[in-house]
Amino acid sequence: MLRVALLAGCLAPSSAFLSPISLVTARLPARATLPASRAGLRTARAAPMMMTVTPQEAGRYKDWLTKEQKAALEETAQKIATFGKGITACDEGPGTIGDRFEKVGIVNTEENRRLYRQMLFTCPGADKYLSAAILDPETIYQKSDDGTPFPELLTKRGIVPGVKPHLKVFQLPGCMPGETVMQGLDSLAMRAKEYYNAGARFAKWRSPLVIGPDGQMSDLAIRTNMEDLARYALICQSEGLMPIVEPDIQLIGDYDLETAIRINVQVQAHLYKAMIDHGVYMEGATLKPNMVNPGKGCKTKYTADEIGLATVTVLRRGMPAA
């Protein structure tokens, strides 16, 4: 089963801990409805998804991972999805964390960044609430005061260390403004091997997406980003890293919740198919979807229950049943 992690948290350095909710399809409600005023969001049980696969296709990817590699990827995914625990995303690059340091009067140096990470990783009791930590590549190679590498320190506390391997985001040529693609695939295999050797056991790749003023997202933007996520997942698994895939639809615009549901279903459906087409070992991967929200400029106000139901609706419509 492809595991699901929903993360939400504050941006301030003092509130860096993020909480995931692991959703298993068997636990999702069989049917849920909204008031008549939200009739457009009503859900129905999804029809079975049928797929025709030839014998040649069925065996194409069968042996590319060993039994031991598959077991290791599944074990990492299960540890990260530990019930009652969450993931801390402390993967800000030097520039981003520098902006936050400046607001509280801290000079942005590598040593200060190391000390800040050390404070988080050695916090008493943190291991009771954290299952994993996403690190910036710089942090992967830093050490605590006693010389212990941060990945080793986290592992000893039962916190799985991971890494953010993607590089910079660029405008996707031929698409509307704001439609982008994340770069970093060309050197990923080499870097993933280095991250694994340094102690990382998972990675997270984020692909930001936008819904246009017309309530649409271009097919090119969807296909490009979802196939990139699939290639990233495949490369990570080949180097021992359990991939977290994150298609992240931004809240820019005034689109309503019905539009958000429709676009999120399109995006996740493309992602699942791309991952399967690429031969990704689904049991050894994790999905980090965004909460399904309307755009910030939407004039209609929705309740928390409606937002929650919209998010579950997207998962029920698109996630392959295990």
Protein backbone atom coordinates (compact mmCIF):
# COMPACT_ATOMS: atom_id res chain seq x y z
CA MET A 1 0.00 0.00 0.00
CA LEU A 2 1.20 3.49 -0.79
CA ARG A 3 1.17 5.21 2.58
CA VAL A 4 -0.20 8.71 3.02
CA ALA A 5 1.20 11.45 5.24
CA LEU A 6 -0.56 14.78 5.65
CA LEU A 7 1.62 17.43 7.24
CA ALA A 8 0.70 20.82 8.62
CA GLY A 9 2.75 23.16 10.77
CA CYS A 10 3.97 26.64 11.56
CA LEU A 11 6.77 28.43 9.74
CA ALA A 12 8.42 30.02 12.75
CA PRO A 13 11.71 28.38 13.85
CA SER A 14 10.25 27.81 17.31
CA SER A 15 7.38 25.80 15.81
CA ALA A 16 9.24 23.58 13.38
CA PHE A 17 7.52 20.30 14.26
CA LEU A 18 5.00 19.04 11.72
CA SER A 19 2.34 16.43 12.39
CA PRO A 20 1.45 13.70 9.85
CA ILE A 21 -1.83 11.81 9.74
CA SER A 22 -1.46 8.31 8.32
CA LEU A 23 -4.52 7.37 6.32
CA VAL A 24 -5.25 3.76 5.43
CA THR A 25 -7.91 3.27 2.80
CA ALA A 26 -9.64 0.62 4.89
CA ARG A 27 -10.30 3.25 7.57
CA LEU A 28 -11.90 5.77 5.26
CA PRO A 29 -15.67 6.17 5.66
CA ALA A 30 -17.71 4.17 3.17
CA ARG A 31 -19.96 7.15 2.50
CA ALA A 32 -20.14 10.74 3.72
CA THR A 33 -22.36 13.61 2.65
CA LEU A 34 -22.44 17.34 3.08
CA PRO A 35 -25.46 19.60 3.57
CA ALA A 36 -27.54 20.39 0.51
CA SER A 37 -25.75 23.74 0.21
CA ARG A 38 -22.63 21.76 -0.61
CA ALA A 39 -24.31 19.15 -2.78
CA GLY A 40 -21.58 19.45 -5.38
CA LEU A 41 -19.15 17.88 -2.91
CA ARG A 42 -21.18 14.77 -2.16
CA THR A 43 -19.22 11.59 -2.61
CA ALA A 44 -20.19 8.16 -3.78
CA ARG A 45 -18.36 4.88 -3.56
CA ALA A 46 -15.78 4.81 -6.31
CA ALA A 47 -16.16 2.20 -9.02
CA PRO A 48 -13.44 -0.47 -9.18
CA MET A 49 -10.42 0.59 -11.22
CA MET A 50 -9.69 -1.88 -14.03
CA MET A 51 -6.31 -2.15 -15.72
CA THR A 52 -5.21 -4.48 -18.51
CA VAL A 53 -1.60 -5.63 -18.23
CA THR A 54 0.11 -7.99 -20.66
CA PRO A 55 2.29 -10.82 -19.29
CA GLN A 56 5.36 -9.02 -20.67
CA GLU A 57 4.47 -5.81 -18.84
CA ALA A 58 3.61 -7.66 -15.63
CA GLY A 59 7.12 -9.08 -15.38
CA ARG A 60 9.05 -6.09 -16.64
CA TYR A 61 9.90 -4.64 -13.21
CA LYS A 62 9.51 -7.79 -11.10
CA ASP A 63 13.10 -8.31 -10.06
CA TRP A 64 14.65 -4.87 -10.12
CA LEU A 65 14.59 -4.73 -6.30
CA THR A 66 15.70 -7.64 -4.15
CA LYS A 67 13.49 -9.04 -1.41
CA GLU A 68 15.79 -7.44 1.16
CA GLN A 69 15.63 -4.02 -0.52
CA LYS A 70 11.85 -4.13 -0.62
CA ALA A 71 11.70 -5.11 3.06
CA ALA A 72 14.00 -2.23 4.02
CA LEU A 73 11.90 0.32 2.10
CA GLU A 74 8.69 -0.99 3.69
CA GLU A 75 10.24 -0.91 7.15
CA THR A 76 11.21 2.75 6.69
CA ALA A 77 7.72 3.64 5.46
CA GLN A 78 6.14 1.87 8.43
CA LYS A 79 8.42 3.59 10.95
CA ILE A 80 7.62 7.02 9.53
CA ALA A 81 3.89 6.25 9.69
CA THR A 82 4.04 5.25 13.37
CA PHE A 83 0.65 6.07 14.90
CA GLY A 84 0.75 9.04 17.27
CA LYS A 85 4.04 10.40 15.96
CA GLY A 86 4.90 13.03 13.36
CA ILE A 87 7.59 14.32 11.03
CA THR A 88 9.64 17.43 11.67
CA ALA A 89 10.46 19.27 8.45
CA CYS A 90 13.69 21.09 9.23
CA ASP A 91 14.90 21.16 5.64
CA GLU A 92 15.11 24.91 5.11
CA GLY A 93 18.10 25.93 3.03
CA PRO A 94 20.61 28.49 4.33
CA GLY A 95 18.75 31.35 2.64
CA THR A 96 15.30 30.48 4.01
CA ILE A 97 16.48 29.86 7.55
CA GLY A 98 18.53 33.06 7.34
CA ASP A 99 15.33 35.07 6.89
CA ARG A 100 13.93 33.51 10.04
CA PHE A 101 17.12 34.02 12.00
CA GLU A 102 17.15 37.69 11.03
CA LYS A 103 13.70 38.20 12.58
CA VAL A 104 14.98 37.06 15.97
CA GLY A 105 18.40 38.68 15.76
CA ILE A 106 20.51 35.60 15.00
CA VAL A 107 23.42 35.85 12.56
CA ASN A 108 23.06 33.35 9.70
CA THR A 109 26.25 31.30 9.85
CA GLU A 110 26.79 27.58 9.30
CA GLU A 111 27.71 27.17 12.98
CA ASN A 112 24.51 28.87 14.15
CA ARG A 113 22.51 26.69 11.78
CA ARG A 114 24.24 23.63 13.24
CA LEU A 115 23.53 24.74 16.81
CA TYR A 116 19.88 25.36 15.96
CA ARG A 117 19.50 21.89 14.44
CA GLN A 118 21.30 20.35 17.41
CA MET A 119 18.86 22.06 19.77
CA LEU A 120 15.95 20.47 17.88
CA PHE A 121 17.48 17.01 17.60
CA THR A 122 18.54 16.76 21.25
CA CYS A 123 15.33 18.18 22.72
CA PRO A 124 14.33 15.98 25.69
CA GLY A 125 11.30 13.84 24.89
CA ALA A 126 11.31 14.64 21.18
CA ASP A 127 11.61 10.95 20.34
CA LYS A 128 8.22 10.36 21.99
CA TYR A 129 6.53 12.47 19.34
CA LEU A 130 8.75 12.33 16.26
CA SER A 131 8.99 9.43 13.84
CA ALA A 132 11.21 11.16 11.27
CA ALA A 133 13.10 14.34 10.39
CA ILE A 134 13.55 15.83 6.91
CA LEU A 135 16.99 17.45 6.67
CA ASP A 136 18.61 19.93 4.33
CA PRO A 137 21.65 18.42 2.56
CA GLU A 138 23.89 20.71 4.64
CA THR A 139 22.48 19.23 7.85
CA ILE A 140 23.07 15.64 6.71
CA TYR A 141 26.82 16.18 7.02
CA GLN A 142 26.83 18.22 10.26
CA LYS A 143 27.64 16.81 13.69
CA SER A 144 26.68 17.42 17.30
CA ASP A 145 29.12 18.90 19.82
CA ASP A 146 30.39 15.44 20.72
CA GLY A 147 31.14 14.59 17.09
CA THR A 148 28.09 12.42 16.38
CA PRO A 149 26.72 12.92 12.86
CA PHE A 150 23.15 14.22 13.01
CA PRO A 151 21.70 11.23 11.08
CA GLU A 152 23.32 8.86 13.58
CA LEU A 153 22.09 10.93 16.52
CA LEU A 154 18.52 10.82 15.19
CA THR A 155 18.67 7.11 14.41
CA LYS A 156 19.79 6.30 17.95
CA ARG A 157 16.72 8.15 19.23
CA GLY A 158 14.43 6.15 16.97
CA ILE A 159 13.86 9.09 14.60
CA VAL A 160 14.33 8.22 10.92
CA PRO A 161 16.59 10.75 9.16
CA GLY A 162 15.66 11.86 5.64
CA VAL A 163 16.71 14.49 3.14
CA LYS A 164 15.31 17.06 0.72
CA PRO A 165 17.10 16.22 -2.57
CA HIS A 166 15.41 18.53 -5.07
CA LEU A 167 17.15 21.69 -6.23
CA LYS A 168 15.55 24.84 -7.67
CA VAL A 169 12.14 25.40 -9.23
CA PHE A 170 11.94 26.94 -12.71
CA GLN A 171 9.17 28.24 -14.94
CA LEU A 172 7.99 25.50 -17.31
CA PRO A 173 8.38 26.79 -20.89
CA GLY A 174 5.15 26.86 -22.85
CA CYS A 175 2.93 26.99 -19.77
CA MET A 176 1.13 29.82 -18.05
CA PRO A 177 3.02 31.95 -15.50
CA GLY A 178 3.46 30.10 -12.23
CA GLU A 179 3.50 26.62 -13.77
CA THR A 180 6.91 25.29 -12.86
CA VAL A 181 9.11 22.21 -12.75
CA MET A 182 11.56 21.21 -10.02
CA GLN A 183 15.12 20.46 -11.09
CA GLY A 184 17.64 18.00 -9.68
CA LEU A 185 16.94 14.65 -11.35
CA ASP A 186 20.15 14.59 -13.42
CA SER A 187 22.43 14.23 -10.40
CA LEU A 188 19.96 12.53 -8.09
CA ALA A 189 21.31 8.97 -8.27
CA MET A 190 24.79 10.06 -7.21
CA ARG A 191 23.49 12.34 -4.44
CA ALA A 192 21.00 9.72 -3.20
CA LYS A 193 23.81 7.19 -2.79
CA GLU A 194 25.83 9.76 -0.82
CA TYR A 195 22.84 10.62 1.38
CA TYR A 196 22.23 6.94 2.10
CA ASN A 197 25.88 6.40 3.02
CA ALA A 198 25.64 9.43 5.32
CA GLY A 199 22.73 7.81 7.19
CA ALA A 200 19.57 9.07 5.45
CA ARG A 201 16.85 6.48 4.89
CA PHE A 202 14.19 8.46 3.04
CA ALA A 203 13.79 11.51 0.84
CA LYS A 204 11.01 14.01 0.09
CA TRP A 205 10.54 15.75 -3.26
CA ARG A 206 8.01 18.57 -3.58
CA SER A 207 6.48 19.58 -6.91
CA PRO A 208 4.53 22.87 -6.57
CA LEU A 209 1.52 23.30 -8.87
CA VAL A 210 -0.91 26.17 -9.48
CA ILE A 211 -4.54 26.39 -10.61
CA GLY A 212 -5.04 29.11 -13.21
CA PRO A 213 -7.60 31.94 -13.21
CA ASP A 214 -9.82 29.78 -15.45
CA GLY A 215 -9.90 27.00 -12.84
CA GLN A 216 -7.64 24.76 -14.92
CA MET A 217 -4.14 23.32 -14.76
CA SER A 218 -2.33 22.51 -18.00
CA ASP A 219 -1.85 18.87 -18.94
CA LEU A 220 1.82 19.61 -19.63
CA ALA A 221 2.40 20.88 -16.10
CA ILE A 222 0.63 17.87 -14.59
CA ARG A 223 2.38 15.27 -16.75
CA THR A 224 5.82 16.82 -16.40
CA ASN A 225 5.70 17.14 -12.62
CA MET A 226 4.05 13.78 -11.92
CA GLU A 227 6.47 11.90 -14.17
CA ASP A 228 9.35 13.71 -12.48
CA LEU A 229 8.02 12.57 -9.10
CA ALA A 230 7.83 9.01 -10.40
CA ARG A 231 11.41 9.13 -11.73
CA TYR A 232 12.59 10.60 -8.45
CA ALA A 233 10.86 7.80 -6.52
CA LEU A 234 12.39 5.15 -8.77
CA ILE A 235 15.91 6.57 -8.40
CA CYS A 236 15.60 6.89 -4.62
CA GLN A 237 14.40 3.31 -4.21
CA SER A 238 17.30 2.05 -6.33
CA GLU A 239 19.69 3.72 -3.86
CA GLY A 240 17.88 2.56 -0.70
CA LEU A 241 15.93 5.73 0.13
CA MET A 242 12.20 5.43 0.75
CA PRO A 243 10.61 8.22 -1.36
CA ILE A 244 7.96 10.62 -0.10
CA VAL A 245 6.23 12.14 -3.13
CA GLU A 246 4.60 15.55 -2.68
CA PRO A 247 2.39 17.09 -5.36
CA ASP A 248 1.69 20.46 -3.75
CA ILE A 249 -1.17 22.54 -5.16
CA GLN A 250 -0.74 26.15 -4.13
CA LEU A 251 -3.53 28.31 -2.68
CA ILE A 252 -2.95 31.13 -5.18
CA GLY A 253 -6.19 32.29 -6.79
CA ASP A 254 -9.92 32.43 -6.07
CA TYR A 255 -10.95 28.91 -7.13
CA ASP A 256 -13.62 27.17 -5.04
CA LEU A 257 -13.52 23.84 -3.20
CA GLU A 258 -15.26 21.95 -6.02
CA THR A 259 -12.50 23.07 -8.41
CA ALA A 260 -9.84 22.08 -5.89
CA ILE A 261 -11.33 18.58 -5.65
CA ARG A 262 -11.42 18.18 -9.43
CA ILE A 263 -7.82 19.32 -9.96
CA ASN A 264 -6.44 17.32 -7.03
CA VAL A 265 -8.06 14.16 -8.40
CA GLN A 266 -6.48 14.80 -11.81
CA VAL A 267 -3.05 15.36 -10.27
CA GLN A 268 -3.12 12.33 -7.97
CA ALA A 269 -4.48 10.07 -10.71
CA HIS A 270 -1.59 11.09 -12.98
CA LEU A 271 0.86 10.53 -10.13
CA TYR A 272 -0.31 7.00 -9.35
CA LYS A 273 -0.24 5.97 -13.00
CA ALA A 274 3.20 7.51 -13.54
CA MET A 275 4.61 5.69 -10.51
CA ILE A 276 3.16 2.36 -11.61
CA ASP A 277 4.31 2.90 -15.21
CA HIS A 278 7.84 3.62 -13.97
CA GLY A 279 7.88 0.46 -11.84
CA VAL A 280 8.00 2.20 -8.45
CA TYR A 281 7.59 -0.25 -5.56
CA MET A 282 4.40 1.23 -4.15
CA GLU A 283 4.55 -0.50 -0.77
CA GLY A 284 7.90 1.20 -0.22
CA ALA A 285 6.74 4.74 -0.97
CA THR A 286 4.72 7.42 0.83
CA LEU A 287 2.34 10.06 -0.52
CA LYS A 288 2.31 13.52 1.06
CA PRO A 289 -0.77 15.22 -0.41
CA ASN A 290 -1.84 18.75 0.40
CA MET A 291 -5.07 19.39 2.25
CA VAL A 292 -7.72 20.13 -0.39
CA ASN A 293 -8.48 23.82 0.08
CA PRO A 294 -10.06 26.60 -2.00
CA GLY A 295 -7.83 29.42 -3.21
CA LYS A 296 -7.05 32.17 -0.74
CA GLY A 297 -9.16 34.58 -2.79
CA CYS A 298 -12.27 32.40 -2.78
CA LYS A 299 -15.28 34.32 -1.45
CA THR A 300 -17.07 31.20 -0.23
CA LYS A 301 -16.12 30.17 3.30
CA TYR A 302 -15.93 26.46 4.03
CA THR A 303 -15.96 24.68 7.37
CA ALA A 304 -13.16 22.47 8.66
CA ASP A 305 -15.43 19.45 8.17
CA GLU A 306 -15.95 20.37 4.52
CA ILE A 307 -12.21 20.77 3.98
CA GLY A 308 -11.56 17.42 5.65
CA LEU A 309 -14.25 15.68 3.61
CA ALA A 310 -12.89 17.20 0.39
CA THR A 311 -9.41 15.85 1.20
CA VAL A 312 -10.72 12.36 1.95
CA THR A 313 -12.93 12.49 -1.17
CA VAL A 314 -9.89 13.06 -3.37
CA LEU A 315 -8.06 10.13 -1.80
CA ARG A 316 -11.08 7.82 -2.18
CA ARG A 317 -11.56 8.76 -5.82
CA GLY A 318 -7.95 8.44 -6.88
CA MET A 319 -5.99 6.16 -4.58
CA PRO A 320 -5.73 2.56 -5.87
CA ALA A 321 -7.33 0.16 -3.42
CA ALA A 322 -4.86 -2.15 -1.71
